[in-house]
């Protein structure tokens, strides 16, 4: 009978120890941020921008921080035209992840909207034959227009390809 109070105490201590170990483990896991070699992440703490995390392992404040990932590799987006059979591919690279994070809520959506609008202006009411004849000039003009807007979002336009279906 004398062991019953000691057993109850030991069970309580063991449970508290397991709970403490679990809390420590969760805190450590929440504190580590793994950034892949091709990306950069913007760190926020309590919603406030604190800086960029480059590739590697980083300690961040647990439970109150968040990150937004930016793929630093060359990317592309496709833009279809209201004109039947015309489309474009815009190739781009993020040059400045901090600007991409701070300047636009969603740099990719902004870029896509600008590309769609510029492509519609470039295509206009041209016929497919006219588009084929002017394809390179229109692509260069669209790349220049997008480049000006994209600079504000930390994005570099690498090129535009216009396709006309036969």
N, C-alpha and C. Protein backbone atom coordinates (compact mmCIF):
# COMPACT_ATOMS: atom_id res chain seq x y z
N UNK A 1 0.79 -1.20 0.00
CA UNK A 1 0.00 0.00 0.00
C UNK A 1 0.83 1.26 0.00
N UNK A 2 2.01 1.21 0.53
CA UNK A 2 2.87 2.39 0.61
C UNK A 2 3.38 2.80 -0.77
N UNK A 3 3.39 1.89 -1.74
CA UNK A 3 3.87 2.20 -3.08
C UNK A 3 2.84 2.91 -3.94
N UNK A 4 1.56 2.82 -3.60
CA UNK A 4 0.50 3.43 -4.42
C UNK A 4 0.69 4.94 -4.57
N UNK A 5 0.97 5.69 -3.51
CA UNK A 5 1.19 7.13 -3.71
C UNK A 5 2.43 7.42 -4.54
N UNK A 6 3.47 6.61 -4.39
CA UNK A 6 4.68 6.82 -5.18
C UNK A 6 4.44 6.51 -6.66
N UNK A 7 3.66 5.47 -6.94
CA UNK A 7 3.33 5.10 -8.32
C UNK A 7 2.50 6.20 -8.98
N UNK A 8 1.55 6.74 -8.25
CA UNK A 8 0.72 7.83 -8.78
C UNK A 8 1.58 9.05 -9.07
N UNK A 9 2.52 9.36 -8.16
CA UNK A 9 3.43 10.48 -8.36
C UNK A 9 4.31 10.25 -9.58
N UNK A 10 4.84 9.06 -9.73
CA UNK A 10 5.70 8.72 -10.87
C UNK A 10 4.92 8.81 -12.18
N UNK A 11 3.69 8.35 -12.21
CA UNK A 11 2.87 8.44 -13.42
C UNK A 11 2.63 9.90 -13.80
N UNK A 12 2.36 10.73 -12.82
CA UNK A 12 2.14 12.16 -13.07
C UNK A 12 3.40 12.84 -13.57
N UNK A 13 4.54 12.51 -13.00
CA UNK A 13 5.82 13.08 -13.41
C UNK A 13 6.16 12.64 -14.82
N UNK A 14 5.93 11.36 -15.11
CA UNK A 14 6.20 10.84 -16.45
C UNK A 14 5.32 11.53 -17.49
N UNK A 15 4.04 11.70 -17.17
CA UNK A 15 3.12 12.37 -18.10
C UNK A 15 3.53 13.82 -18.34
N UNK A 16 3.91 14.51 -17.27
CA UNK A 16 4.35 15.90 -17.41
C UNK A 16 5.64 15.98 -18.22
N UNK A 17 6.54 15.03 -18.00
CA UNK A 17 7.79 15.00 -18.75
C UNK A 17 7.55 14.75 -20.24
N UNK A 18 6.65 13.83 -20.55
CA UNK A 18 6.31 13.56 -21.96
C UNK A 18 5.66 14.78 -22.61
N UNK A 19 4.79 15.44 -21.87
CA UNK A 19 4.14 16.64 -22.39
C UNK A 19 5.18 17.74 -22.64
N UNK A 20 6.09 17.93 -21.71
CA UNK A 20 7.14 18.94 -21.87
C UNK A 20 8.03 18.61 -23.07
N UNK A 21 8.38 17.34 -23.24
CA UNK A 21 9.21 16.93 -24.38
C UNK A 21 8.47 17.18 -25.70
N UNK A 22 7.18 16.91 -25.70
CA UNK A 22 6.39 17.14 -26.92
C UNK A 22 6.33 18.64 -27.26
N UNK A 23 6.17 19.47 -26.25
CA UNK A 23 6.13 20.92 -26.47
C UNK A 23 7.47 21.41 -27.01
N UNK A 24 8.57 20.92 -26.43
CA UNK A 24 9.90 21.31 -26.90
C UNK A 24 10.10 20.86 -28.35
N UNK A 25 9.72 19.63 -28.67
CA UNK A 25 9.86 19.11 -30.02
C UNK A 25 9.07 19.95 -31.02
N UNK A 26 7.83 20.27 -30.71
CA UNK A 26 7.00 21.08 -31.61
C UNK A 26 7.62 22.47 -31.78
N UNK A 27 8.13 23.05 -30.71
CA UNK A 27 8.76 24.37 -30.78
C UNK A 27 9.99 24.35 -31.67
N UNK A 28 10.82 23.32 -31.54
CA UNK A 28 12.02 23.20 -32.38
C UNK A 28 11.62 23.05 -33.84
N UNK A 29 10.66 22.19 -34.11
CA UNK A 29 10.21 21.97 -35.49
C UNK A 29 9.64 23.27 -36.08
N UNK A 30 8.88 24.01 -35.29
CA UNK A 30 8.31 25.28 -35.76
C UNK A 30 9.38 26.35 -35.95
N UNK A 31 10.52 26.21 -35.29
CA UNK A 31 11.59 27.20 -35.37
C UNK A 31 12.49 27.01 -36.59
N UNK A 32 12.45 25.85 -37.21
CA UNK A 32 13.33 25.57 -38.34
C UNK A 32 12.62 25.83 -39.65
N UNK A 33 13.29 26.55 -40.52
CA UNK A 33 12.77 26.83 -41.87
C UNK A 33 13.81 26.33 -42.86
N UNK A 34 13.41 25.40 -43.71
CA UNK A 34 14.30 24.82 -44.72
C UNK A 34 14.00 25.48 -46.06
N UNK A 35 14.99 26.16 -46.62
CA UNK A 35 14.83 26.87 -47.89
C UNK A 35 15.64 26.13 -48.95
N UNK A 36 14.95 25.69 -50.00
CA UNK A 36 15.61 24.96 -51.09
C UNK A 36 16.59 25.86 -51.85
N UNK A 37 17.49 25.23 -52.57
CA UNK A 37 18.54 25.95 -53.29
C UNK A 37 18.06 26.85 -54.40
N UNK A 38 16.88 26.64 -54.91
CA UNK A 38 16.35 27.43 -56.03
C UNK A 38 15.36 28.50 -55.58
N UNK A 39 15.19 28.67 -54.27
CA UNK A 39 14.18 29.61 -53.81
C UNK A 39 14.74 30.59 -52.80
N UNK A 40 13.96 31.61 -52.55
CA UNK A 40 14.19 32.58 -51.49
C UNK A 40 12.84 32.75 -50.81
N UNK A 41 12.85 32.97 -49.51
CA UNK A 41 11.58 33.16 -48.79
C UNK A 41 11.59 34.50 -48.06
N UNK A 42 10.46 35.16 -48.13
CA UNK A 42 10.27 36.39 -47.36
C UNK A 42 9.74 35.99 -45.98
N UNK A 43 10.36 36.49 -44.93
CA UNK A 43 9.97 36.17 -43.56
C UNK A 43 9.14 37.30 -42.98
N UNK A 44 8.03 36.93 -42.38
CA UNK A 44 7.22 37.90 -41.63
C UNK A 44 7.10 37.39 -40.20
N UNK A 45 7.11 38.32 -39.27
CA UNK A 45 6.89 38.00 -37.86
C UNK A 45 5.74 38.88 -37.40
N UNK A 46 4.69 38.23 -36.94
CA UNK A 46 3.45 38.91 -36.57
C UNK A 46 2.96 39.80 -37.71
N UNK A 47 3.12 39.31 -38.93
CA UNK A 47 2.63 40.00 -40.12
C UNK A 47 3.54 41.09 -40.65
N UNK A 48 4.65 41.36 -39.97
CA UNK A 48 5.56 42.42 -40.39
C UNK A 48 6.77 41.81 -41.12
N UNK A 49 7.10 42.38 -42.27
CA UNK A 49 8.23 41.89 -43.06
C UNK A 49 9.52 42.06 -42.28
N UNK A 50 10.33 40.98 -42.23
CA UNK A 50 11.58 41.02 -41.49
C UNK A 50 12.81 40.77 -42.35
N UNK A 51 12.64 40.28 -43.57
CA UNK A 51 13.80 40.05 -44.42
C UNK A 51 13.64 38.80 -45.25
N UNK A 52 14.71 38.49 -46.00
CA UNK A 52 14.71 37.32 -46.87
C UNK A 52 15.52 36.19 -46.26
N UNK A 53 15.05 34.98 -46.50
CA UNK A 53 15.77 33.78 -46.10
C UNK A 53 16.33 33.16 -47.37
N UNK A 54 17.64 33.08 -47.44
CA UNK A 54 18.31 32.48 -48.59
C UNK A 54 18.36 30.96 -48.42
N UNK A 55 18.79 30.21 -49.43
CA UNK A 55 18.83 28.75 -49.30
C UNK A 55 19.62 28.30 -48.08
N UNK A 56 19.09 27.28 -47.41
CA UNK A 56 19.72 26.73 -46.22
C UNK A 56 18.70 26.51 -45.12
N UNK A 57 19.19 26.29 -43.92
CA UNK A 57 18.34 26.08 -42.75
C UNK A 57 18.41 27.34 -41.89
N UNK A 58 17.25 27.81 -41.46
CA UNK A 58 17.17 29.05 -40.68
C UNK A 58 16.35 28.83 -39.42
N UNK A 59 16.73 29.53 -38.35
CA UNK A 59 15.92 29.58 -37.15
C UNK A 59 15.01 30.79 -37.24
N UNK A 60 13.73 30.57 -37.06
CA UNK A 60 12.76 31.66 -37.10
C UNK A 60 11.94 31.61 -35.80
N UNK A 61 11.36 32.73 -35.41
CA UNK A 61 10.54 32.70 -34.20
C UNK A 61 9.36 31.73 -34.38
N UNK A 62 9.20 30.79 -33.47
CA UNK A 62 8.12 29.81 -33.64
C UNK A 62 6.74 30.42 -33.38
N UNK A 63 5.74 29.89 -34.05
CA UNK A 63 4.32 30.19 -33.85
C UNK A 63 3.87 31.57 -34.32
N UNK A 64 4.77 32.52 -34.48
CA UNK A 64 4.36 33.88 -34.84
C UNK A 64 4.94 34.33 -36.18
N UNK A 65 5.67 33.43 -36.85
CA UNK A 65 6.30 33.83 -38.11
C UNK A 65 5.67 33.06 -39.26
N UNK A 66 5.81 33.63 -40.44
CA UNK A 66 5.35 33.00 -41.66
C UNK A 66 6.33 33.31 -42.77
N UNK A 67 6.29 32.52 -43.83
CA UNK A 67 7.17 32.78 -44.96
C UNK A 67 6.38 32.68 -46.25
N UNK A 68 6.88 33.34 -47.27
CA UNK A 68 6.32 33.24 -48.62
C UNK A 68 7.48 32.91 -49.54
N UNK A 69 7.30 31.85 -50.30
CA UNK A 69 8.37 31.33 -51.15
C UNK A 69 8.37 31.99 -52.52
N UNK A 70 9.58 32.24 -53.03
CA UNK A 70 9.78 32.78 -54.37
C UNK A 70 10.73 31.87 -55.12
N UNK A 71 10.27 31.31 -56.22
CA UNK A 71 11.08 30.44 -57.07
C UNK A 71 11.98 31.34 -57.91
N UNK A 72 13.29 31.21 -57.73
CA UNK A 72 14.23 32.10 -58.39
C UNK A 72 14.70 31.57 -59.75
N UNK A 73 14.15 30.43 -60.16
CA UNK A 73 14.49 29.87 -61.47
C UNK A 73 13.69 30.58 -62.56
N UNK A 74 14.13 30.40 -63.81
CA UNK A 74 13.38 30.93 -64.95
C UNK A 74 12.00 30.29 -64.96
N UNK A 75 10.98 31.10 -65.21
CA UNK A 75 9.60 30.63 -65.22
C UNK A 75 8.91 31.15 -66.47
N UNK A 76 7.73 30.64 -66.72
CA UNK A 76 6.95 31.14 -67.85
C UNK A 76 5.48 31.10 -67.52
N UNK A 77 4.73 31.90 -68.24
CA UNK A 77 3.28 31.85 -68.13
C UNK A 77 2.70 31.98 -69.53
N UNK A 78 1.61 31.29 -69.74
CA UNK A 78 0.94 31.29 -71.04
C UNK A 78 -0.22 32.26 -71.01
N UNK A 79 -0.36 32.97 -72.12
CA UNK A 79 -1.42 33.96 -72.27
C UNK A 79 -2.16 33.64 -73.55
N UNK A 80 -3.46 33.41 -73.43
CA UNK A 80 -4.28 33.18 -74.62
C UNK A 80 -4.91 34.49 -75.04
N UNK A 81 -5.22 34.59 -76.30
CA UNK A 81 -5.84 35.80 -76.83
C UNK A 81 -7.30 35.52 -77.14
N UNK A 82 -8.07 36.59 -77.13
CA UNK A 82 -9.46 36.46 -77.57
C UNK A 82 -9.50 36.13 -79.06
N UNK A 83 -8.44 36.48 -79.77
CA UNK A 83 -8.33 36.15 -81.19
C UNK A 83 -8.08 34.65 -81.30
N UNK A 84 -8.90 33.98 -82.04
CA UNK A 84 -8.79 32.53 -82.21
C UNK A 84 -7.41 32.14 -82.71
N UNK A 85 -6.76 31.23 -82.03
CA UNK A 85 -5.51 30.66 -82.51
C UNK A 85 -4.25 31.44 -82.19
N UNK A 86 -4.34 32.49 -81.41
CA UNK A 86 -3.16 33.26 -81.05
C UNK A 86 -2.91 33.10 -79.55
N UNK A 87 -1.64 32.89 -79.21
CA UNK A 87 -1.27 32.79 -77.80
C UNK A 87 0.17 33.26 -77.65
N UNK A 88 0.54 33.48 -76.40
CA UNK A 88 1.90 33.93 -76.12
C UNK A 88 2.41 33.25 -74.87
N UNK A 89 3.72 33.11 -74.80
CA UNK A 89 4.39 32.62 -73.60
C UNK A 89 5.36 33.70 -73.16
N UNK A 90 5.23 34.10 -71.92
CA UNK A 90 6.11 35.11 -71.33
C UNK A 90 7.09 34.39 -70.41
N UNK A 91 8.38 34.54 -70.69
CA UNK A 91 9.43 33.97 -69.85
C UNK A 91 9.95 35.05 -68.92
N UNK A 92 10.11 34.70 -67.64
CA UNK A 92 10.54 35.71 -66.68
C UNK A 92 11.33 35.07 -65.54
N UNK A 93 12.04 35.93 -64.82
CA UNK A 93 12.82 35.51 -63.67
C UNK A 93 12.64 36.56 -62.58
N UNK A 94 12.51 36.11 -61.35
CA UNK A 94 12.47 37.06 -60.23
C UNK A 94 13.89 37.51 -59.97
N UNK A 95 14.11 38.80 -60.06
CA UNK A 95 15.44 39.36 -59.78
C UNK A 95 15.56 39.84 -58.34
N UNK A 96 14.47 40.31 -57.78
CA UNK A 96 14.50 40.89 -56.44
C UNK A 96 13.28 40.40 -55.67
N UNK A 97 13.47 39.36 -54.86
CA UNK A 97 12.35 38.76 -54.13
C UNK A 97 11.75 39.74 -53.12
N UNK A 98 12.57 40.60 -52.55
CA UNK A 98 12.06 41.57 -51.59
C UNK A 98 11.07 42.51 -52.27
N UNK A 99 11.43 43.03 -53.45
CA UNK A 99 10.53 43.90 -54.19
C UNK A 99 9.29 43.13 -54.62
N UNK A 100 9.46 41.87 -55.06
CA UNK A 100 8.31 41.06 -55.46
C UNK A 100 7.35 40.87 -54.29
N UNK A 101 7.89 40.75 -53.09
CA UNK A 101 7.05 40.57 -51.91
C UNK A 101 6.36 41.87 -51.50
N UNK A 102 7.13 42.97 -51.50
CA UNK A 102 6.61 44.24 -50.98
C UNK A 102 5.78 45.03 -51.99
N UNK A 103 6.08 44.90 -53.28
CA UNK A 103 5.45 45.77 -54.28
C UNK A 103 4.10 45.28 -54.79
N UNK A 104 3.84 43.99 -54.69
CA UNK A 104 2.58 43.47 -55.23
C UNK A 104 2.07 42.37 -54.32
N UNK A 105 0.75 42.33 -54.14
CA UNK A 105 0.17 41.25 -53.34
C UNK A 105 0.47 39.91 -53.99
N UNK A 106 0.41 39.88 -55.32
CA UNK A 106 0.69 38.65 -56.06
C UNK A 106 1.34 39.05 -57.37
N UNK A 107 2.67 39.07 -57.39
CA UNK A 107 3.41 39.53 -58.57
C UNK A 107 3.03 38.72 -59.80
N UNK A 108 2.79 37.42 -59.64
CA UNK A 108 2.48 36.57 -60.79
C UNK A 108 1.13 36.94 -61.39
N UNK A 109 0.13 37.18 -60.56
CA UNK A 109 -1.19 37.59 -61.05
C UNK A 109 -1.10 38.96 -61.72
N UNK A 110 -0.32 39.86 -61.15
CA UNK A 110 -0.13 41.18 -61.75
C UNK A 110 0.55 41.07 -63.11
N UNK A 111 1.57 40.22 -63.19
CA UNK A 111 2.28 40.01 -64.44
C UNK A 111 1.35 39.39 -65.49
N UNK A 112 0.57 38.42 -65.07
CA UNK A 112 -0.35 37.76 -66.00
C UNK A 112 -1.40 38.75 -66.53
N UNK A 113 -1.94 39.59 -65.66
CA UNK A 113 -2.93 40.58 -66.10
C UNK A 113 -2.30 41.58 -67.07
N UNK A 114 -1.09 42.04 -66.76
CA UNK A 114 -0.42 42.98 -67.66
C UNK A 114 -0.10 42.32 -69.00
N UNK A 115 0.32 41.05 -68.96
CA UNK A 115 0.64 40.33 -70.20
C UNK A 115 -0.62 40.13 -71.05
N UNK A 116 -1.71 39.76 -70.42
CA UNK A 116 -2.95 39.55 -71.16
C UNK A 116 -3.43 40.86 -71.81
N UNK A 117 -3.38 41.94 -71.05
CA UNK A 117 -3.81 43.24 -71.57
C UNK A 117 -2.90 43.69 -72.72
N UNK A 118 -1.58 43.58 -72.52
CA UNK A 118 -0.64 43.98 -73.56
C UNK A 118 -0.75 43.11 -74.80
N UNK A 119 -0.98 41.82 -74.61
CA UNK A 119 -1.11 40.91 -75.74
C UNK A 119 -2.37 41.24 -76.54
N UNK A 120 -3.45 41.52 -75.87
CA UNK A 120 -4.69 41.89 -76.58
C UNK A 120 -4.48 43.17 -77.37
N UNK A 121 -3.76 44.13 -76.80
CA UNK A 121 -3.47 45.38 -77.53
C UNK A 121 -2.60 45.09 -78.74
N UNK A 122 -1.59 44.23 -78.56
CA UNK A 122 -0.67 43.92 -79.65
C UNK A 122 -1.37 43.17 -80.78
N UNK A 123 -2.21 42.23 -80.42
CA UNK A 123 -2.91 41.42 -81.42
C UNK A 123 -3.97 42.27 -82.11
N UNK A 124 -4.70 43.03 -81.30
CA UNK A 124 -5.73 43.91 -81.86
C UNK A 124 -6.66 43.16 -82.80
N UNK A 125 -6.91 43.76 -83.94
CA UNK A 125 -7.80 43.12 -84.92
C UNK A 125 -7.00 42.62 -86.12
N UNK A 126 -5.76 42.27 -85.88
CA UNK A 126 -4.92 41.75 -86.95
C UNK A 126 -5.40 40.35 -87.36
N UNK A 127 -5.22 40.05 -88.60
CA UNK A 127 -5.54 38.71 -89.11
C UNK A 127 -4.39 37.77 -88.76
N UNK A 128 -4.61 36.46 -88.80
CA UNK A 128 -3.52 35.52 -88.54
C UNK A 128 -2.31 35.75 -89.46
N UNK A 129 -2.56 36.08 -90.74
CA UNK A 129 -1.44 36.34 -91.65
C UNK A 129 -0.65 37.58 -91.22
N UNK A 130 -1.35 38.62 -90.80
CA UNK A 130 -0.67 39.82 -90.32
C UNK A 130 0.14 39.51 -89.06
N UNK A 131 -0.43 38.70 -88.18
CA UNK A 131 0.27 38.33 -86.95
C UNK A 131 1.54 37.54 -87.25
N UNK A 132 1.45 36.63 -88.20
CA UNK A 132 2.64 35.85 -88.58
C UNK A 132 3.74 36.76 -89.11
N UNK A 133 3.34 37.73 -89.93
CA UNK A 133 4.31 38.64 -90.54
C UNK A 133 4.95 39.56 -89.50
N UNK A 134 4.21 39.92 -88.45
CA UNK A 134 4.68 40.89 -87.46
C UNK A 134 5.03 40.24 -86.12
N UNK A 135 5.03 38.94 -86.06
CA UNK A 135 5.19 38.21 -84.80
C UNK A 135 6.40 38.67 -83.98
N UNK A 136 7.58 38.72 -84.57
CA UNK A 136 8.79 39.08 -83.83
C UNK A 136 8.74 40.52 -83.32
N UNK A 137 8.29 41.42 -84.16
CA UNK A 137 8.20 42.83 -83.74
C UNK A 137 7.20 42.99 -82.60
N UNK A 138 6.05 42.31 -82.70
CA UNK A 138 5.03 42.39 -81.65
C UNK A 138 5.55 41.78 -80.34
N UNK A 139 6.27 40.67 -80.46
CA UNK A 139 6.82 40.01 -79.26
C UNK A 139 7.84 40.93 -78.58
N UNK A 140 8.70 41.57 -79.35
CA UNK A 140 9.69 42.50 -78.77
C UNK A 140 9.00 43.67 -78.09
N UNK A 141 7.98 44.21 -78.75
CA UNK A 141 7.26 45.35 -78.18
C UNK A 141 6.56 44.96 -76.88
N UNK A 142 5.93 43.78 -76.87
CA UNK A 142 5.26 43.31 -75.67
C UNK A 142 6.27 43.06 -74.55
N UNK A 143 7.42 42.49 -74.87
CA UNK A 143 8.46 42.26 -73.87
C UNK A 143 8.94 43.57 -73.26
N UNK A 144 9.10 44.60 -74.09
CA UNK A 144 9.53 45.91 -73.59
C UNK A 144 8.48 46.51 -72.67
N UNK A 145 7.20 46.44 -73.08
CA UNK A 145 6.12 46.99 -72.26
C UNK A 145 6.03 46.27 -70.93
N UNK A 146 6.07 44.95 -70.99
CA UNK A 146 5.99 44.17 -69.76
C UNK A 146 7.20 44.41 -68.87
N UNK A 147 8.36 44.59 -69.50
CA UNK A 147 9.59 44.82 -68.74
C UNK A 147 9.50 46.04 -67.86
N UNK A 148 8.89 47.10 -68.39
CA UNK A 148 8.74 48.33 -67.61
C UNK A 148 7.87 48.10 -66.38
N UNK A 149 6.75 47.42 -66.57
CA UNK A 149 5.85 47.14 -65.45
C UNK A 149 6.48 46.14 -64.49
N UNK A 150 7.11 45.11 -65.02
CA UNK A 150 7.67 44.04 -64.19
C UNK A 150 8.83 44.52 -63.32
N UNK A 151 9.56 45.53 -63.77
CA UNK A 151 10.65 46.08 -62.95
C UNK A 151 10.13 46.52 -61.59
N UNK A 152 8.92 47.06 -61.55
CA UNK A 152 8.33 47.53 -60.30
C UNK A 152 8.02 46.37 -59.36
N UNK A 153 7.90 45.15 -59.88
CA UNK A 153 7.59 43.98 -59.06
C UNK A 153 8.82 43.12 -58.81
N UNK A 154 10.01 43.59 -59.18
CA UNK A 154 11.22 42.82 -58.97
C UNK A 154 11.39 41.66 -59.94
N UNK A 155 10.73 41.75 -61.08
CA UNK A 155 10.72 40.67 -62.07
C UNK A 155 11.39 41.14 -63.35
N UNK A 156 12.20 40.28 -63.96
CA UNK A 156 12.82 40.57 -65.25
C UNK A 156 12.13 39.74 -66.33
N UNK A 157 11.75 40.39 -67.42
CA UNK A 157 11.15 39.69 -68.56
C UNK A 157 12.30 39.18 -69.42
N UNK A 158 12.36 37.87 -69.60
CA UNK A 158 13.43 37.26 -70.39
C UNK A 158 13.06 37.15 -71.87
N UNK A 159 11.78 37.17 -72.18
CA UNK A 159 11.36 37.10 -73.56
C UNK A 159 9.88 36.79 -73.68
N UNK A 160 9.37 37.02 -74.88
CA UNK A 160 7.98 36.72 -75.20
C UNK A 160 7.96 35.98 -76.52
N UNK A 161 7.22 34.91 -76.57
CA UNK A 161 7.04 34.17 -77.82
C UNK A 161 5.57 34.19 -78.18
N UNK A 162 5.28 34.63 -79.38
CA UNK A 162 3.89 34.64 -79.87
C UNK A 162 3.72 33.47 -80.83
N UNK A 163 2.64 32.72 -80.61
CA UNK A 163 2.32 31.59 -81.47
C UNK A 163 1.00 31.82 -82.18
N UNK A 164 1.01 31.46 -83.46
CA UNK A 164 -0.21 31.54 -84.26
C UNK A 164 -0.48 30.13 -84.77
N UNK A 165 -1.64 29.59 -84.39
CA UNK A 165 -1.98 28.24 -84.85
C UNK A 165 -2.34 28.27 -86.33
N UNK A 166 -1.97 27.20 -87.00
CA UNK A 166 -2.31 27.10 -88.42
C UNK A 166 -3.67 26.48 -88.62
